[in-house]
């Protein structure tokens, strides 16, 4: 299967009548709430509106692409839930304050992510159980479209086994669809080439 059919299948898996308009990788509490390394959109009015809201937030002085994306998800999901619940539920921007610097000049992004997870769970369900008609949260335990080893295995030392990308000590490797090499710095190209060779016997020039 290609990427698009796999995403659409994910969007329909919860019994919804149609896939969502925006696709992001789901995340669990305790890690970065949302990573913008993978975002997919259908060519729909809702997706274009989502993109416009995301662009507006990127221009904020204290914002960057990932925090702007996370806040846009809360805003859009909140509007969806408010409409479906006739105003009984929704998002009142209660997490937004954590995107601004506190007294020490730092942005408490971990606190923002805790708030993000809590609000999202209250609105549309917890990790792996979220149900939205607009935003599809792709289950990384079914289809990982944004696997970031440096987020999951701090101190991996650029060892593919410690990243769980190749077999190690009898443990089978994980099988992400897309590997995101953020956090590997100047070792990025080397790690990617080693991964392709050891896992798939492929080099940048063809079969190894």
Protein backbone atom coordinates (compact mmCIF):
# COMPACT_ATOMS: atom_id res chain seq x y z
CA UNK A 1 0.00 0.00 0.00
CA UNK A 2 1.06 3.58 -0.61
CA UNK A 3 1.05 6.25 2.09
CA UNK A 4 -2.24 7.85 1.09
CA UNK A 5 -4.35 4.64 1.27
CA UNK A 6 -2.74 3.81 4.63
CA UNK A 7 -3.62 7.25 6.02
CA UNK A 8 -7.19 7.07 4.74
CA UNK A 9 -7.53 3.63 6.28
CA UNK A 10 -6.36 5.04 9.62
CA UNK A 11 -8.91 7.82 9.29
CA UNK A 12 -11.75 5.32 8.85
CA UNK A 13 -10.72 2.77 11.46
CA UNK A 14 -12.84 4.17 14.29
CA UNK A 15 -16.07 3.74 12.39
CA UNK A 16 -16.26 7.32 11.15
CA UNK A 17 -18.06 7.75 7.86
CA UNK A 18 -15.17 9.66 6.27
CA UNK A 19 -11.48 10.19 6.99
CA UNK A 20 -10.34 13.39 8.61
CA UNK A 21 -9.10 16.45 6.77
CA UNK A 22 -5.77 16.74 8.63
CA UNK A 23 -3.47 13.89 9.68
CA UNK A 24 -0.92 14.10 12.50
CA UNK A 25 0.96 11.48 14.52
CA UNK A 26 -0.70 10.74 17.84
CA UNK A 27 1.40 11.00 21.02
CA UNK A 28 1.18 9.79 24.59
CA UNK A 29 1.55 11.84 27.79
CA UNK A 30 5.07 12.55 28.97
CA UNK A 31 6.68 13.28 25.61
CA UNK A 32 6.58 16.15 23.12
CA UNK A 33 2.88 16.73 22.55
CA UNK A 34 2.99 17.14 18.79
CA UNK A 35 5.80 16.95 16.25
CA UNK A 36 5.43 18.81 12.97
CA UNK A 37 7.80 16.45 11.17
CA UNK A 38 4.75 14.87 9.58
CA UNK A 39 1.49 16.62 8.69
CA UNK A 40 -0.78 15.56 5.83
CA UNK A 41 -3.90 17.31 4.58
CA UNK A 42 -6.68 16.54 2.17
CA UNK A 43 -7.71 19.20 -0.32
CA UNK A 44 -10.79 20.28 1.63
CA UNK A 45 -12.13 23.56 2.96
CA UNK A 46 -11.54 22.44 6.55
CA UNK A 47 -7.89 21.58 5.80
CA UNK A 48 -7.26 24.98 4.20
CA UNK A 49 -8.84 26.71 7.20
CA UNK A 50 -6.63 24.64 9.50
CA UNK A 51 -3.56 25.66 7.49
CA UNK A 52 -4.51 29.33 7.71
CA UNK A 53 -4.89 29.12 11.51
CA UNK A 54 -1.53 27.37 11.78
CA UNK A 55 0.20 30.01 9.65
CA UNK A 56 -1.24 32.82 11.78
CA UNK A 57 0.22 31.32 14.95
CA UNK A 58 3.66 30.74 13.45
CA UNK A 59 3.96 34.54 13.13
CA UNK A 60 3.58 35.00 16.89
CA UNK A 61 6.80 36.31 18.43
CA UNK A 62 7.05 33.47 20.98
CA UNK A 63 5.78 30.71 18.72
CA UNK A 64 7.38 28.18 16.38
CA UNK A 65 5.96 25.67 13.94
CA UNK A 66 5.33 22.86 16.46
CA UNK A 67 3.76 24.93 19.21
CA UNK A 68 1.64 26.70 16.59
CA UNK A 69 0.54 23.32 15.22
CA UNK A 70 -0.32 21.97 18.67
CA UNK A 71 -2.40 25.02 19.57
CA UNK A 72 -4.16 24.91 16.19
CA UNK A 73 -5.12 21.28 16.81
CA UNK A 74 -6.66 22.22 20.17
CA UNK A 75 -8.47 25.18 18.63
CA UNK A 76 -9.93 23.22 15.71
CA UNK A 77 -10.88 20.17 17.77
CA UNK A 78 -12.39 22.48 20.39
CA UNK A 79 -14.55 24.17 17.75
CA UNK A 80 -15.63 20.78 16.40
CA UNK A 81 -16.60 19.50 19.85
CA UNK A 82 -18.34 22.77 20.77
CA UNK A 83 -20.48 22.47 17.66
CA UNK A 84 -21.35 18.82 18.27
CA UNK A 85 -22.12 19.44 21.96
CA UNK A 86 -24.02 22.69 21.29
CA UNK A 87 -21.54 24.62 23.37
CA UNK A 88 -21.44 22.30 26.37
CA UNK A 89 -17.78 21.41 25.69
CA UNK A 90 -14.94 23.13 23.92
CA UNK A 91 -11.50 24.68 24.23
CA UNK A 92 -11.21 28.01 26.05
CA UNK A 93 -7.48 28.55 25.36
CA UNK A 94 -6.55 27.39 28.85
CA UNK A 95 -3.23 25.95 27.59
CA UNK A 96 -2.20 29.05 25.67
CA UNK A 97 -0.54 30.76 28.65
CA UNK A 98 2.12 28.03 28.74
CA UNK A 99 3.38 29.14 25.33
CA UNK A 100 4.61 32.44 26.76
CA UNK A 101 7.76 33.01 28.83
CA UNK A 102 7.51 32.89 32.63
CA UNK A 103 9.57 34.89 35.15
CA UNK A 104 12.85 33.17 34.26
CA UNK A 105 12.36 33.96 30.58
CA UNK A 106 11.77 30.34 29.55
CA UNK A 107 8.69 28.92 27.85
CA UNK A 108 7.28 26.07 30.03
CA UNK A 109 6.59 23.84 27.03
CA UNK A 110 6.46 20.64 29.10
CA UNK A 111 3.60 22.18 31.08
CA UNK A 112 1.94 23.14 27.82
CA UNK A 113 2.17 19.55 26.59
CA UNK A 114 0.68 18.24 29.85
CA UNK A 115 -2.21 20.66 29.42
CA UNK A 116 -2.54 19.74 25.74
CA UNK A 117 -2.83 16.04 26.53
CA UNK A 118 -5.35 16.65 29.30
CA UNK A 119 -7.60 18.90 27.23
CA UNK A 120 -7.46 16.67 24.18
CA UNK A 121 -8.35 13.60 26.27
CA UNK A 122 -11.33 15.42 27.76
CA UNK A 123 -12.55 16.53 24.33
CA UNK A 124 -12.03 13.50 22.09
CA UNK A 125 -10.42 10.73 24.13
CA UNK A 126 -6.95 9.61 25.24
CA UNK A 127 -3.97 8.40 23.22
CA UNK A 128 -4.93 5.80 20.59
CA UNK A 129 -8.64 6.44 21.19
CA UNK A 130 -9.10 9.97 19.88
CA UNK A 131 -12.11 10.51 17.62
CA UNK A 132 -12.32 13.66 15.53
CA UNK A 133 -14.02 14.29 12.21
CA UNK A 134 -11.46 16.93 11.25
CA UNK A 135 -8.11 15.78 12.67
CA UNK A 136 -7.03 12.15 12.35
CA UNK A 137 -4.49 11.17 14.99
CA UNK A 138 -2.47 8.43 13.30
CA UNK A 139 -1.79 5.62 15.76
CA UNK A 140 2.01 5.13 15.82
CA UNK A 141 1.55 1.61 17.15
CA UNK A 142 -0.23 0.76 13.90
CA UNK A 143 1.43 3.11 11.43
CA UNK A 144 4.33 5.28 12.61
CA UNK A 145 4.65 8.15 10.17
CA UNK A 146 7.06 10.19 12.30
CA UNK A 147 9.39 7.99 14.34
CA UNK A 148 11.93 10.20 16.15
CA UNK A 149 14.56 7.98 17.85
CA UNK A 150 16.16 10.92 19.67
CA UNK A 151 12.85 11.71 21.40
CA UNK A 152 12.26 8.12 22.47
CA UNK A 153 15.76 6.86 23.32
CA UNK A 154 17.87 9.61 24.84
CA UNK A 155 21.53 8.64 24.96
CA UNK A 156 21.35 6.20 22.06
CA UNK A 157 24.85 7.24 21.00
CA UNK A 158 23.82 6.93 17.33
CA UNK A 159 23.57 3.16 17.83
CA UNK A 160 20.81 1.84 15.55
CA UNK A 161 20.18 -1.04 17.94
CA UNK A 162 19.56 1.35 20.83
CA UNK A 163 17.25 3.29 18.51
CA UNK A 164 15.36 -0.01 18.02
CA UNK A 165 15.80 0.27 14.25
CA UNK A 166 17.83 -2.95 13.82
CA UNK A 167 17.80 -6.18 15.86
CA UNK A 168 19.75 -6.06 19.13
CA UNK A 169 20.33 -8.76 21.74
CA UNK A 170 17.52 -10.89 20.42
CA UNK A 171 14.99 -8.06 20.32
CA UNK A 172 13.28 -7.52 16.97
CA UNK A 173 13.45 -4.00 15.54
CA UNK A 174 10.52 -1.65 15.41
CA UNK A 175 9.06 -1.08 11.97
CA UNK A 176 8.23 2.62 11.43
CA UNK A 177 7.04 3.75 8.03
CA UNK A 178 8.96 7.04 8.29
CA UNK A 179 12.06 7.73 10.41
CA UNK A 180 12.65 11.36 11.44
CA UNK A 181 16.35 11.92 12.14
CA UNK A 182 15.95 15.13 14.17
CA UNK A 183 18.43 15.42 17.02
CA UNK A 184 21.21 13.46 15.32
CA UNK A 185 23.06 16.55 14.08
CA UNK A 186 26.06 15.90 11.85
CA UNK A 187 25.56 12.14 12.29
CA UNK A 188 22.22 12.29 10.46
CA UNK A 189 23.40 11.24 7.01
CA UNK A 190 25.65 8.50 8.40
CA UNK A 191 22.85 7.10 10.59
CA UNK A 192 20.38 7.13 7.71
CA UNK A 193 22.80 5.37 5.35
CA UNK A 194 23.65 2.73 7.99
CA UNK A 195 19.95 2.15 8.63
CA UNK A 196 19.19 1.64 4.94
CA UNK A 197 22.13 -0.73 4.54
CA UNK A 198 21.65 -2.81 7.68
CA UNK A 199 17.87 -3.02 7.50
CA UNK A 200 17.13 -3.10 3.79
CA UNK A 201 20.54 -3.81 2.14
CA UNK A 202 20.16 -0.54 0.21
CA UNK A 203 22.70 2.24 -0.32
CA UNK A 204 22.19 5.74 -1.81
CA UNK A 205 23.44 4.23 -5.06
CA UNK A 206 21.18 1.18 -5.09
CA UNK A 207 21.25 -2.32 -3.65
CA UNK A 208 24.18 -2.99 -1.32
